[in-house]
PDB file of all heavy atoms in Angstrom:
ATOM      1  N   ASP A   1     -16.779 -33.288 -20.859  1.00  0.00           N
ATOM      2  CA  ASP A   1     -17.625 -33.510 -19.688  1.00  0.00           C
ATOM      3  C   ASP A   1     -18.066 -32.212 -18.998  1.00  0.00           C
ATOM      4  O   ASP A   1     -18.798 -32.268 -18.014  1.00  0.00           O
ATOM      5  CB  ASP A   1     -16.903 -34.392 -18.662  1.00  0.00           C
ATOM      6  CG  ASP A   1     -16.628 -35.796 -19.187  1.00  0.00           C
ATOM      7  OD1 ASP A   1     -17.262 -36.211 -20.180  1.00  0.00           O
ATOM      8  OD2 ASP A   1     -15.769 -36.470 -18.594  1.00  0.00           O
ATOM      9  N   HIS A   2     -17.602 -31.073 -19.495  1.00  0.00           N
ATOM     10  CA  HIS A   2     -17.926 -29.766 -18.892  1.00  0.00           C
ATOM     11  C   HIS A   2     -17.630 -29.765 -17.391  1.00  0.00           C
ATOM     12  O   HIS A   2     -18.393 -29.234 -16.586  1.00  0.00           O
ATOM     13  CB  HIS A   2     -19.363 -29.361 -19.172  1.00  0.00           C
ATOM     14  CG  HIS A   2     -19.678 -29.276 -20.624  1.00  0.00           C
ATOM     15  ND1 HIS A   2     -19.268 -28.222 -21.409  1.00  0.00           N
ATOM     16  CD2 HIS A   2     -20.322 -30.141 -21.457  1.00  0.00           C
ATOM     17  CE1 HIS A   2     -19.658 -28.432 -22.653  1.00  0.00           C
ATOM     18  NE2 HIS A   2     -20.296 -29.591 -22.717  1.00  0.00           N
ATOM     19  N   VAL A   3     -16.482 -30.334 -17.043  1.00  0.00           N
ATOM     20  CA  VAL A   3     -16.067 -30.489 -15.641  1.00  0.00           C
ATOM     21  C   VAL A   3     -16.024 -29.144 -14.912  1.00  0.00           C
ATOM     22  O   VAL A   3     -16.372 -29.058 -13.746  1.00  0.00           O
ATOM     23  CB  VAL A   3     -14.680 -31.181 -15.583  1.00  0.00           C
ATOM     24  CG1 VAL A   3     -14.085 -31.145 -14.182  1.00  0.00           C
ATOM     25  CG2 VAL A   3     -14.791 -32.606 -16.088  1.00  0.00           C
ATOM     26  N   HIS A   4     -15.620 -28.090 -15.608  1.00  0.00           N
ATOM     27  CA  HIS A   4     -15.378 -26.810 -14.950  1.00  0.00           C
ATOM     28  C   HIS A   4     -16.533 -25.827 -15.095  1.00  0.00           C
ATOM     29  O   HIS A   4     -16.443 -24.683 -14.631  1.00  0.00           O
ATOM     30  CB  HIS A   4     -14.080 -26.194 -15.467  1.00  0.00           C
ATOM     31  CG  HIS A   4     -12.925 -27.128 -15.297  1.00  0.00           C
ATOM     32  ND1 HIS A   4     -12.368 -27.396 -14.071  1.00  0.00           N
ATOM     33  CD2 HIS A   4     -12.269 -27.921 -16.181  1.00  0.00           C
ATOM     34  CE1 HIS A   4     -11.401 -28.289 -14.207  1.00  0.00           C
ATOM     35  NE2 HIS A   4     -11.317 -28.618 -15.480  1.00  0.00           N
ATOM     36  N   GLU A   5     -17.624 -26.273 -15.702  1.00  0.00           N
ATOM     37  CA  GLU A   5     -18.788 -25.409 -15.882  1.00  0.00           C
ATOM     38  C   GLU A   5     -19.326 -24.871 -14.550  1.00  0.00           C
ATOM     39  O   GLU A   5     -19.652 -23.670 -14.475  1.00  0.00           O
ATOM     40  CB  GLU A   5     -19.878 -26.167 -16.647  1.00  0.00           C
ATOM     41  CG  GLU A   5     -20.960 -25.269 -17.174  1.00  0.00           C
ATOM     42  CD  GLU A   5     -21.870 -26.021 -18.115  1.00  0.00           C
ATOM     43  OE1 GLU A   5     -21.526 -26.144 -19.295  1.00  0.00           O
ATOM     44  OE2 GLU A   5     -22.942 -26.479 -17.649  1.00  0.00           O
ATOM     45  N   PRO A   6     -19.431 -25.679 -13.489  1.00  0.00           N
ATOM     46  CA  PRO A   6     -19.927 -25.119 -12.214  1.00  0.00           C
ATOM     47  C   PRO A   6     -19.051 -23.981 -11.682  1.00  0.00           C
ATOM     48  O   PRO A   6     -19.554 -23.008 -11.113  1.00  0.00           O
ATOM     49  CB  PRO A   6     -19.922 -26.318 -11.259  1.00  0.00           C
ATOM     50  CG  PRO A   6     -20.018 -27.513 -12.156  1.00  0.00           C
ATOM     51  CD  PRO A   6     -19.254 -27.133 -13.400  1.00  0.00           C
ATOM     52  N   ARG A   7     -17.735 -24.092 -11.856  1.00  0.00           N
ATOM     53  CA  ARG A   7     -16.801 -23.041 -11.394  1.00  0.00           C
ATOM     54  C   ARG A   7     -17.046 -21.743 -12.155  1.00  0.00           C
ATOM     55  O   ARG A   7     -17.076 -20.662 -11.581  1.00  0.00           O
ATOM     56  CB  ARG A   7     -15.374 -23.559 -11.584  1.00  0.00           C
ATOM     57  CG  ARG A   7     -14.279 -22.518 -11.552  1.00  0.00           C
ATOM     58  CD  ARG A   7     -14.060 -21.992 -10.125  1.00  0.00           C
ATOM     59  NE  ARG A   7     -12.989 -21.057 -10.045  1.00  0.00           N
ATOM     60  CZ  ARG A   7     -13.063 -19.778 -10.425  1.00  0.00           C
ATOM     61  NH1 ARG A   7     -14.151 -19.301 -10.945  1.00  0.00           N
ATOM     62  NH2 ARG A   7     -12.038 -18.978 -10.268  1.00  0.00           N
ATOM     63  N   ILE A   8     -17.233 -21.878 -13.455  1.00  0.00           N
ATOM     64  CA  ILE A   8     -17.485 -20.701 -14.294  1.00  0.00           C
ATOM     65  C   ILE A   8     -18.847 -20.098 -13.951  1.00  0.00           C
ATOM     66  O   ILE A   8     -18.985 -18.881 -13.823  1.00  0.00           O
ATOM     67  CB  ILE A   8     -17.378 -21.082 -15.778  1.00  0.00           C
ATOM     68  CG1 ILE A   8     -15.927 -21.477 -16.097  1.00  0.00           C
ATOM     69  CG2 ILE A   8     -17.866 -19.959 -16.690  1.00  0.00           C
ATOM     70  CD1 ILE A   8     -15.764 -22.265 -17.372  1.00  0.00           C
ATOM     71  N   GLN A   9     -19.846 -20.951 -13.758  1.00  0.00           N
ATOM     72  CA  GLN A   9     -21.180 -20.461 -13.402  1.00  0.00           C
ATOM     73  C   GLN A   9     -21.166 -19.756 -12.068  1.00  0.00           C
ATOM     74  O   GLN A   9     -21.883 -18.761 -11.879  1.00  0.00           O
ATOM     75  CB  GLN A   9     -22.198 -21.607 -13.398  1.00  0.00           C
ATOM     76  CG  GLN A   9     -23.629 -21.127 -13.292  1.00  0.00           C
ATOM     77  CD  GLN A   9     -24.052 -20.223 -14.445  1.00  0.00           C
ATOM     78  OE1 GLN A   9     -23.857 -20.565 -15.611  1.00  0.00           O
ATOM     79  NE2 GLN A   9     -24.600 -19.048 -14.131  1.00  0.00           N
ATOM     80  N   ALA A  10     -20.350 -20.209 -11.137  1.00  0.00           N
ATOM     81  CA  ALA A  10     -20.236 -19.522  -9.835  1.00  0.00           C
ATOM     82  C   ALA A  10     -19.713 -18.100 -10.023  1.00  0.00           C
ATOM     83  O   ALA A  10     -20.187 -17.162  -9.353  1.00  0.00           O
ATOM     84  CB  ALA A  10     -19.330 -20.319  -8.893  1.00  0.00           C
ATOM     85  N   ASP A  11     -18.750 -17.921 -10.934  1.00  0.00           N
ATOM     86  CA  ASP A  11     -18.259 -16.567 -11.230  1.00  0.00           C
ATOM     87  C   ASP A  11     -19.363 -15.717 -11.828  1.00  0.00           C
ATOM     88  O   ASP A  11     -19.565 -14.558 -11.441  1.00  0.00           O
ATOM     89  CB  ASP A  11     -17.082 -16.624 -12.202  1.00  0.00           C
ATOM     90  CG  ASP A  11     -15.757 -16.983 -11.537  1.00  0.00           C
ATOM     91  OD1 ASP A  11     -15.714 -17.155 -10.298  1.00  0.00           O
ATOM     92  OD2 ASP A  11     -14.754 -17.071 -12.274  1.00  0.00           O
ATOM     93  N   ILE A  12     -20.079 -16.284 -12.789  1.00  0.00           N
ATOM     94  CA  ILE A  12     -21.177 -15.548 -13.442  1.00  0.00           C
ATOM     95  C   ILE A  12     -22.226 -15.142 -12.408  1.00  0.00           C
ATOM     96  O   ILE A  12     -22.665 -13.979 -12.366  1.00  0.00           O
ATOM     97  CB  ILE A  12     -21.802 -16.391 -14.568  1.00  0.00           C
ATOM     98  CG1 ILE A  12     -20.790 -16.612 -15.692  1.00  0.00           C
ATOM     99  CG2 ILE A  12     -23.076 -15.739 -15.106  1.00  0.00           C
ATOM    100  CD1 ILE A  12     -21.189 -17.692 -16.698  1.00  0.00           C
ATOM    101  N   ASP A  13     -22.625 -16.098 -11.569  1.00  0.00           N
ATOM    102  CA  ASP A  13     -23.629 -15.804 -10.541  1.00  0.00           C
ATOM    103  C   ASP A  13     -23.144 -14.724  -9.587  1.00  0.00           C
ATOM    104  O   ASP A  13     -23.910 -13.825  -9.195  1.00  0.00           O
ATOM    105  CB  ASP A  13     -23.973 -17.075  -9.757  1.00  0.00           C
ATOM    106  CG  ASP A  13     -24.700 -18.113 -10.603  1.00  0.00           C
ATOM    107  OD1 ASP A  13     -25.203 -17.768 -11.702  1.00  0.00           O
ATOM    108  OD2 ASP A  13     -24.744 -19.291 -10.167  1.00  0.00           O
ATOM    109  N   SER A  14     -21.869 -14.773  -9.221  1.00  0.00           N
ATOM    110  CA  SER A  14     -21.297 -13.749  -8.359  1.00  0.00           C
ATOM    111  C   SER A  14     -21.370 -12.382  -9.045  1.00  0.00           C
ATOM    112  O   SER A  14     -21.702 -11.381  -8.424  1.00  0.00           O
ATOM    113  CB  SER A  14     -19.834 -14.099  -8.038  1.00  0.00           C
ATOM    114  OG  SER A  14     -19.148 -13.005  -7.506  1.00  0.00           O
ATOM    115  N   GLY A  15     -21.063 -12.385 -10.340  1.00  0.00           N
ATOM    116  CA  GLY A  15     -21.156 -11.130 -11.103  1.00  0.00           C
ATOM    117  C   GLY A  15     -22.562 -10.563 -11.070  1.00  0.00           C
ATOM    118  O   GLY A  15     -22.754  -9.372 -10.779  1.00  0.00           O
ATOM    119  N   TYR A  16     -23.541 -11.393 -11.346  1.00  0.00           N
ATOM    120  CA  TYR A  16     -24.936 -10.934 -11.314  1.00  0.00           C
ATOM    121  C   TYR A  16     -25.307 -10.401  -9.941  1.00  0.00           C
ATOM    122  O   TYR A  16     -25.984  -9.386  -9.812  1.00  0.00           O
ATOM    123  CB  TYR A  16     -25.898 -12.046 -11.711  1.00  0.00           C
ATOM    124  CG  TYR A  16     -25.893 -12.380 -13.184  1.00  0.00           C
ATOM    125  CD1 TYR A  16     -26.028 -13.698 -13.600  1.00  0.00           C
ATOM    126  CD2 TYR A  16     -25.744 -11.398 -14.168  1.00  0.00           C
ATOM    127  CE1 TYR A  16     -26.040 -14.025 -14.959  1.00  0.00           C
ATOM    128  CE2 TYR A  16     -25.747 -11.717 -15.512  1.00  0.00           C
ATOM    129  CZ  TYR A  16     -25.899 -13.029 -15.901  1.00  0.00           C
ATOM    130  OH  TYR A  16     -25.909 -13.349 -17.229  1.00  0.00           O
ATOM    131  N   GLN A  17     -24.831 -11.077  -8.897  1.00  0.00           N
ATOM    132  CA  GLN A  17     -25.119 -10.658  -7.526  1.00  0.00           C
ATOM    133  C   GLN A  17     -24.621  -9.233  -7.267  1.00  0.00           C
ATOM    134  O   GLN A  17     -25.219  -8.482  -6.506  1.00  0.00           O
ATOM    135  CB  GLN A  17     -24.477 -11.636  -6.554  1.00  0.00           C
ATOM    136  CG  GLN A  17     -24.690 -11.282  -5.098  1.00  0.00           C
ATOM    137  CD  GLN A  17     -23.999 -12.271  -4.160  1.00  0.00           C
ATOM    138  OE1 GLN A  17     -23.419 -13.268  -4.597  1.00  0.00           O
ATOM    139  NE2 GLN A  17     -24.039 -11.979  -2.891  1.00  0.00           N
ATOM    140  N   TYR A  18     -23.508  -8.862  -7.928  1.00  0.00           N
ATOM    141  CA  TYR A  18     -22.928  -7.542  -7.704  1.00  0.00           C
ATOM    142  C   TYR A  18     -23.207  -6.585  -8.863  1.00  0.00           C
ATOM    143  O   TYR A  18     -22.523  -5.561  -9.006  1.00  0.00           O
ATOM    144  CB  TYR A  18     -21.422  -7.671  -7.418  1.00  0.00           C
ATOM    145  CG  TYR A  18     -21.215  -8.202  -6.031  1.00  0.00           C
ATOM    146  CD1 TYR A  18     -21.101  -9.567  -5.793  1.00  0.00           C
ATOM    147  CD2 TYR A  18     -21.213  -7.334  -4.933  1.00  0.00           C
ATOM    148  CE1 TYR A  18     -20.974 -10.058  -4.507  1.00  0.00           C
ATOM    149  CE2 TYR A  18     -21.083  -7.822  -3.647  1.00  0.00           C
ATOM    150  CZ  TYR A  18     -20.968  -9.178  -3.438  1.00  0.00           C
ATOM    151  OH  TYR A  18     -20.839  -9.654  -2.160  1.00  0.00           O
ATOM    152  N   GLY A  19     -24.203  -6.888  -9.675  1.00  0.00           N
ATOM    153  CA  GLY A  19     -24.651  -5.945 -10.698  1.00  0.00           C
ATOM    154  C   GLY A  19     -23.887  -5.973 -12.007  1.00  0.00           C
ATOM    155  O   GLY A  19     -24.059  -5.071 -12.832  1.00  0.00           O
ATOM    156  N   VAL A  20     -23.054  -6.981 -12.240  1.00  0.00           N
ATOM    157  CA  VAL A  20     -22.320  -7.069 -13.505  1.00  0.00           C
ATOM    158  C   VAL A  20     -23.332  -7.391 -14.610  1.00  0.00           C
ATOM    159  O   VAL A  20     -24.129  -8.317 -14.482  1.00  0.00           O
ATOM    160  CB  VAL A  20     -21.214  -8.144 -13.439  1.00  0.00           C
ATOM    161  CG1 VAL A  20     -20.544  -8.313 -14.791  1.00  0.00           C
ATOM    162  CG2 VAL A  20     -20.196  -7.783 -12.373  1.00  0.00           C
ATOM    163  N   GLU A  21     -23.266  -6.608 -15.671  1.00  0.00           N
ATOM    164  CA  GLU A  21     -24.156  -6.809 -16.812  1.00  0.00           C
ATOM    165  C   GLU A  21     -23.414  -7.264 -18.048  1.00  0.00           C
ATOM    166  O   GLU A  21     -23.998  -7.862 -18.946  1.00  0.00           O
ATOM    167  CB  GLU A  21     -24.905  -5.516 -17.113  1.00  0.00           C
ATOM    168  CG  GLU A  21     -25.817  -5.088 -15.980  1.00  0.00           C
ATOM    169  CD  GLU A  21     -26.416  -3.707 -16.197  1.00  0.00           C
ATOM    170  OE1 GLU A  21     -26.151  -3.076 -17.242  1.00  0.00           O
ATOM    171  OE2 GLU A  21     -27.153  -3.257 -15.306  1.00  0.00           O
ATOM    172  N   ARG A  22     -22.116  -6.931 -18.115  1.00  0.00           N
ATOM    173  CA  ARG A  22     -21.327  -7.300 -19.277  1.00  0.00           C
ATOM    174  C   ARG A  22     -19.847  -7.275 -18.903  1.00  0.00           C
ATOM    175  O   ARG A  22     -19.467  -6.741 -17.857  1.00  0.00           O
ATOM    176  CB  ARG A  22     -21.573  -6.356 -20.451  1.00  0.00           C
ATOM    177  CG  ARG A  22     -21.182  -4.918 -20.181  1.00  0.00           C
ATOM    178  CD  ARG A  22     -21.580  -4.008 -21.346  1.00  0.00           C
ATOM    179  NE  ARG A  22     -21.387  -2.632 -21.002  1.00  0.00           N
ATOM    180  CZ  ARG A  22     -20.281  -1.942 -21.243  1.00  0.00           C
ATOM    181  NH1 ARG A  22     -19.260  -2.513 -21.818  1.00  0.00           N
ATOM    182  NH2 ARG A  22     -20.210  -0.687 -20.914  1.00  0.00           N
ATOM    183  N   ALA A  23     -19.062  -7.854 -19.779  1.00  0.00           N
ATOM    184  CA  ALA A  23     -17.615  -7.868 -19.584  1.00  0.00           C
ATOM    185  C   ALA A  23     -16.987  -6.809 -20.487  1.00  0.00           C
ATOM    186  O   ALA A  23     -17.527  -6.529 -21.543  1.00  0.00           O
ATOM    187  CB  ALA A  23     -17.051  -9.247 -19.915  1.00  0.00           C
ATOM    188  N   PRO A  24     -15.902  -6.228 -20.051  1.00  0.00           N
ATOM    189  CA  PRO A  24     -15.318  -6.387 -18.727  1.00  0.00           C
ATOM    190  C   PRO A  24     -15.976  -5.449 -17.723  1.00  0.00           C
ATOM    191  O   PRO A  24     -16.384  -4.344 -18.058  1.00  0.00           O
ATOM    192  CB  PRO A  24     -13.856  -5.993 -18.955  1.00  0.00           C
ATOM    193  CG  PRO A  24     -13.922  -4.959 -20.031  1.00  0.00           C
ATOM    194  CD  PRO A  24     -15.059  -5.396 -20.926  1.00  0.00           C
ATOM    195  N   THR A  25     -16.070  -5.892 -16.512  1.00  0.00           N
ATOM    196  CA  THR A  25     -16.494  -5.056 -15.392  1.00  0.00           C
ATOM    197  C   THR A  25     -15.471  -5.234 -14.292  1.00  0.00           C
ATOM    198  O   THR A  25     -15.005  -6.342 -14.036  1.00  0.00           O
ATOM    199  CB  THR A  25     -17.910  -5.441 -14.904  1.00  0.00           C
ATOM    200  OG1 THR A  25     -18.844  -5.152 -15.935  1.00  0.00           O
ATOM    201  CG2 THR A  25     -18.295  -4.658 -13.654  1.00  0.00           C
ATOM    202  N   PHE A  26     -15.126  -4.136 -13.646  1.00  0.00           N
ATOM    203  CA  PHE A  26     -14.067  -4.104 -12.636  1.00  0.00           C
ATOM    204  C   PHE A  26     -14.613  -3.582 -11.323  1.00  0.00           C
ATOM    205  O   PHE A  26     -15.481  -2.727 -11.310  1.00  0.00           O
ATOM    206  CB  PHE A  26     -12.929  -3.174 -13.076  1.00  0.00           C
ATOM    207  CG  PHE A  26     -12.366  -3.575 -14.403  1.00  0.00           C
ATOM    208  CD1 PHE A  26     -12.889  -3.072 -15.576  1.00  0.00           C
ATOM    209  CD2 PHE A  26     -11.329  -4.486 -14.468  1.00  0.00           C
ATOM    210  CE1 PHE A  26     -12.390  -3.464 -16.794  1.00  0.00           C
ATOM    211  CE2 PHE A  26     -10.827  -4.874 -15.681  1.00  0.00           C
ATOM    212  CZ  PHE A  26     -11.355  -4.369 -16.856  1.00  0.00           C
ATOM    213  N   PHE A  27     -14.046  -4.087 -10.263  1.00  0.00           N
ATOM    214  CA  PHE A  27     -14.339  -3.567  -8.927  1.00  0.00           C
ATOM    215  C   PHE A  27     -13.033  -3.082  -8.322  1.00  0.00           C
ATOM    216  O   PHE A  27     -12.075  -3.827  -8.196  1.00  0.00           O
ATOM    217  CB  PHE A  27     -14.969  -4.652  -8.048  1.00  0.00           C
ATOM    218  CG  PHE A  27     -16.371  -4.987  -8.477  1.00  0.00           C
ATOM    219  CD1 PHE A  27     -16.609  -5.936  -9.446  1.00  0.00           C
ATOM    220  CD2 PHE A  27     -17.456  -4.326  -7.906  1.00  0.00           C
ATOM    221  CE1 PHE A  27     -17.887  -6.232  -9.854  1.00  0.00           C
ATOM    222  CE2 PHE A  27     -18.754  -4.611  -8.313  1.00  0.00           C
ATOM    223  CZ  PHE A  27     -18.964  -5.579  -9.296  1.00  0.00           C
TER     224      PHE A  27
END
C-alpha cells in the first residue's frame, strides 16, 4: 500500500529544500 511513501517523500523534499543533490549528504 506504500503506507510510508509520504514520510519518505517529506525527507526527500526537505533535502531538496536544503540543497541536497545526492546521498549521502550531511549537515
